[in-house]
Amino acid sequence: MLHTHKLPNSRYCFACGMENEIGLKLQFYADGQGGVVGEYSVPKHFEGYPGIAHGGIVTTMLDEALIRAFLLENPNRLMYTARLTTRFRKHIPLEQPLKLTAKIIKDRQTKGEAVAHIYGPEGDLLVDGQALMVNLPADELTEPDLKELGWRVYPDEEIAA
């Protein structure tokens, strides 16, 4: 996977928390082309129909990718999703390598829009989404709060251990 640097994760977030035993532990990297990229394989315990990932898990994956696009310039720019449109083109298989990508399409300082894609093991587009993201108000999250969240770049070696 081509990437320039890894983006931060939190401790217990369901999508990106590195210490959340039941979470996805999604990890993203700058792709060197103004977007983000990550890889993930949906485990069987997130199954919807037999052999297929649950749509809520898939939407969570997209949501996390979309937020990550805004972290490229400021890794502490935390946002929430105001609107998310998801298009399921094909089902997401379980236990298969997937590629997640996202990039900003508009950034207005306090809010922005981004697009994300999930590609299957053969490189085919499975799901895409677009979202309106809004900055978390500055007074709602401070530097000590970020430390409590465990908001940092978790080295790959530390995760594998």
Protein backbone atom coordinates (compact mmCIF):
# COMPACT_ATOMS: atom_id res chain seq x y z
CA MET A 1 0.00 0.00 0.00
CA LEU A 2 1.46 3.40 -1.02
CA HIS A 3 1.35 5.90 1.83
CA THR A 4 3.31 8.82 3.21
CA HIS A 5 2.33 8.80 6.90
CA LYS A 6 -0.09 7.19 9.31
CA LEU A 7 -3.01 9.10 10.82
CA PRO A 8 -3.85 9.03 14.54
CA ASN A 9 -6.28 6.66 16.21
CA SER A 10 -8.02 6.75 19.56
CA ARG A 11 -8.07 4.31 22.42
CA TYR A 12 -11.73 3.15 22.56
CA CYS A 13 -13.61 4.47 19.51
CA PHE A 14 -15.66 1.66 17.95
CA ALA A 15 -14.29 2.42 14.47
CA CYS A 16 -10.65 3.36 15.16
CA GLY A 17 -9.97 2.50 18.81
CA MET A 18 -6.82 0.43 19.07
CA GLU A 19 -7.76 -0.82 22.55
CA ASN A 20 -11.43 -1.53 21.82
CA GLU A 21 -11.67 -5.33 21.92
CA ILE A 22 -14.92 -5.43 19.92
CA GLY A 23 -14.15 -2.52 17.58
CA LEU A 24 -12.98 -2.39 13.98
CA LYS A 25 -9.52 -0.92 14.68
CA LEU A 26 -9.51 0.85 11.30
CA GLN A 27 -6.21 2.49 10.37
CA PHE A 28 -5.60 5.07 7.68
CA TYR A 29 -2.61 6.56 5.93
CA ALA A 30 -2.07 9.61 3.74
CA ASP A 31 -1.98 8.27 0.19
CA GLY A 32 0.49 10.87 -1.10
CA GLN A 33 -2.12 12.20 -3.54
CA GLY A 34 -4.29 14.33 -1.23
CA GLY A 35 -6.45 11.51 0.10
CA VAL A 36 -6.39 8.71 2.62
CA VAL A 37 -6.23 4.95 2.23
CA GLY A 38 -6.74 2.00 4.54
CA GLU A 39 -7.10 -1.74 4.33
CA TYR A 40 -9.53 -3.90 6.26
CA SER A 41 -10.97 -7.38 6.22
CA VAL A 42 -14.41 -7.66 7.87
CA PRO A 43 -14.37 -10.50 10.41
CA LYS A 44 -17.14 -13.07 10.53
CA HIS A 45 -18.60 -11.69 13.78
CA PHE A 46 -19.77 -8.61 11.81
CA GLU A 47 -21.84 -10.74 9.46
CA GLY A 48 -25.29 -9.70 8.22
CA TYR A 49 -26.49 -12.34 5.79
CA PRO A 50 -24.28 -15.44 5.46
CA GLY A 51 -20.89 -14.44 4.06
CA ILE A 52 -21.83 -10.75 3.83
CA ALA A 53 -20.82 -7.85 6.09
CA HIS A 54 -23.63 -6.10 7.98
CA GLY A 55 -24.60 -2.80 6.31
CA GLY A 56 -24.19 -0.87 9.56
CA ILE A 57 -20.58 -2.00 9.82
CA VAL A 58 -19.96 -1.06 6.19
CA THR A 59 -21.46 2.40 6.78
CA THR A 60 -19.27 2.80 9.87
CA MET A 61 -16.22 2.01 7.75
CA LEU A 62 -17.21 4.69 5.22
CA ASP A 63 -17.96 7.21 7.96
CA GLU A 64 -14.52 6.75 9.49
CA ALA A 65 -12.77 7.05 6.12
CA LEU A 66 -14.66 10.28 5.38
CA ILE A 67 -13.60 11.88 8.65
CA ARG A 68 -9.99 10.81 8.05
CA ALA A 69 -9.75 12.85 4.86
CA PHE A 70 -9.95 16.01 6.97
CA LEU A 71 -7.08 14.92 9.24
CA LEU A 72 -4.43 15.27 6.57
CA GLU A 73 -3.73 18.95 7.23
CA ASN A 74 -4.66 18.96 10.91
CA PRO A 75 -4.51 15.61 12.73
CA ASN A 76 -6.50 17.06 15.64
CA ARG A 77 -9.41 18.32 13.54
CA LEU A 78 -12.20 16.22 14.94
CA MET A 79 -15.55 16.30 13.17
CA TYR A 80 -18.97 14.74 13.30
CA THR A 81 -21.14 13.57 10.44
CA ALA A 82 -24.08 15.85 9.63
CA ARG A 83 -25.24 13.90 6.56
CA LEU A 84 -24.06 10.65 4.99
CA THR A 85 -25.26 9.11 1.75
CA THR A 86 -24.19 5.52 1.13
CA ARG A 87 -24.55 3.60 -2.13
CA PHE A 88 -24.20 -0.16 -1.88
CA ARG A 89 -23.23 -1.28 -5.37
CA LYS A 90 -22.33 -4.85 -4.36
CA HIS A 91 -22.21 -6.69 -1.06
CA ILE A 92 -19.11 -6.58 1.11
CA PRO A 93 -17.61 -10.06 1.54
CA LEU A 94 -16.37 -11.26 4.91
CA GLU A 95 -12.74 -12.07 5.60
CA GLN A 96 -11.52 -10.63 2.28
CA PRO A 97 -9.03 -7.76 1.86
CA LEU A 98 -10.78 -4.45 1.19
CA LYS A 99 -9.35 -1.07 0.27
CA LEU A 100 -10.93 2.08 1.72
CA THR A 101 -10.21 5.51 0.24
CA ALA A 102 -11.45 9.03 0.92
CA LYS A 103 -10.76 12.58 -0.18
CA ILE A 104 -12.12 16.04 0.47
CA ILE A 105 -14.28 17.63 -2.22
CA LYS A 106 -15.07 20.89 -0.35
CA ASP A 107 -13.59 22.44 2.79
CA ARG A 108 -15.12 25.54 4.34
CA GLN A 109 -13.06 25.70 7.58
CA THR A 110 -15.93 24.73 9.95
CA LYS A 111 -17.51 22.13 7.69
CA GLY A 112 -16.70 20.21 4.58
CA GLU A 113 -17.71 17.48 2.17
CA ALA A 114 -15.82 14.32 1.32
CA VAL A 115 -16.26 11.15 -0.73
CA ALA A 116 -15.19 7.63 0.21
CA HIS A 117 -15.00 4.31 -1.60
CA ILE A 118 -14.63 0.67 -0.61
CA TYR A 119 -13.03 -1.64 -3.17
CA GLY A 120 -13.12 -5.43 -3.15
CA PRO A 121 -10.28 -7.93 -3.40
CA GLU A 122 -10.37 -7.74 -7.22
CA GLY A 123 -10.34 -3.91 -7.20
CA ASP A 124 -14.03 -3.51 -8.04
CA LEU A 125 -16.03 -0.70 -6.43
CA LEU A 126 -18.38 -2.19 -3.83
CA VAL A 127 -19.65 0.83 -1.88
CA ASP A 128 -19.26 4.58 -2.06
CA GLY A 129 -20.47 7.44 0.05
CA GLN A 130 -20.49 11.17 0.40
CA ALA A 131 -20.84 13.16 3.61
CA LEU A 132 -21.16 16.61 5.07
CA MET A 133 -18.84 16.84 8.06
CA VAL A 134 -18.90 19.55 10.74
CA ASN A 135 -16.07 20.52 13.10
CA LEU A 136 -16.56 19.59 16.72
CA PRO A 137 -16.78 22.97 18.51
CA ALA A 138 -13.36 23.95 19.87
CA ASP A 139 -14.66 24.35 23.41
CA GLU A 140 -15.95 20.76 23.46
CA LEU A 141 -12.58 19.06 23.18
CA THR A 142 -9.30 20.21 24.70
CA GLU A 143 -5.73 18.94 24.56
CA PRO A 144 -6.18 16.97 27.83
CA ASP A 145 -9.33 15.40 26.34
CA LEU A 146 -7.30 14.24 23.33
CA LYS A 147 -4.76 12.62 25.65
CA GLU A 148 -7.57 10.88 27.55
CA LEU A 149 -8.96 9.61 24.23
CA GLY A 150 -5.55 8.11 23.52
CA TRP A 151 -5.49 10.24 20.34
CA ARG A 152 -2.11 9.46 18.78
CA VAL A 153 -0.41 7.61 15.98
CA TYR A 154 -0.13 3.97 17.04
CA PRO A 155 2.98 2.51 15.39
CA ASP A 156 2.29 -0.62 13.33
CA GLU A 157 4.80 -2.58 15.41
CA GLU A 158 2.91 -1.70 18.60
CA ILE A 159 -0.40 -2.90 17.11
CA ALA A 160 1.03 -6.19 15.91
CA ALA A 161 2.50 -6.93 19.36
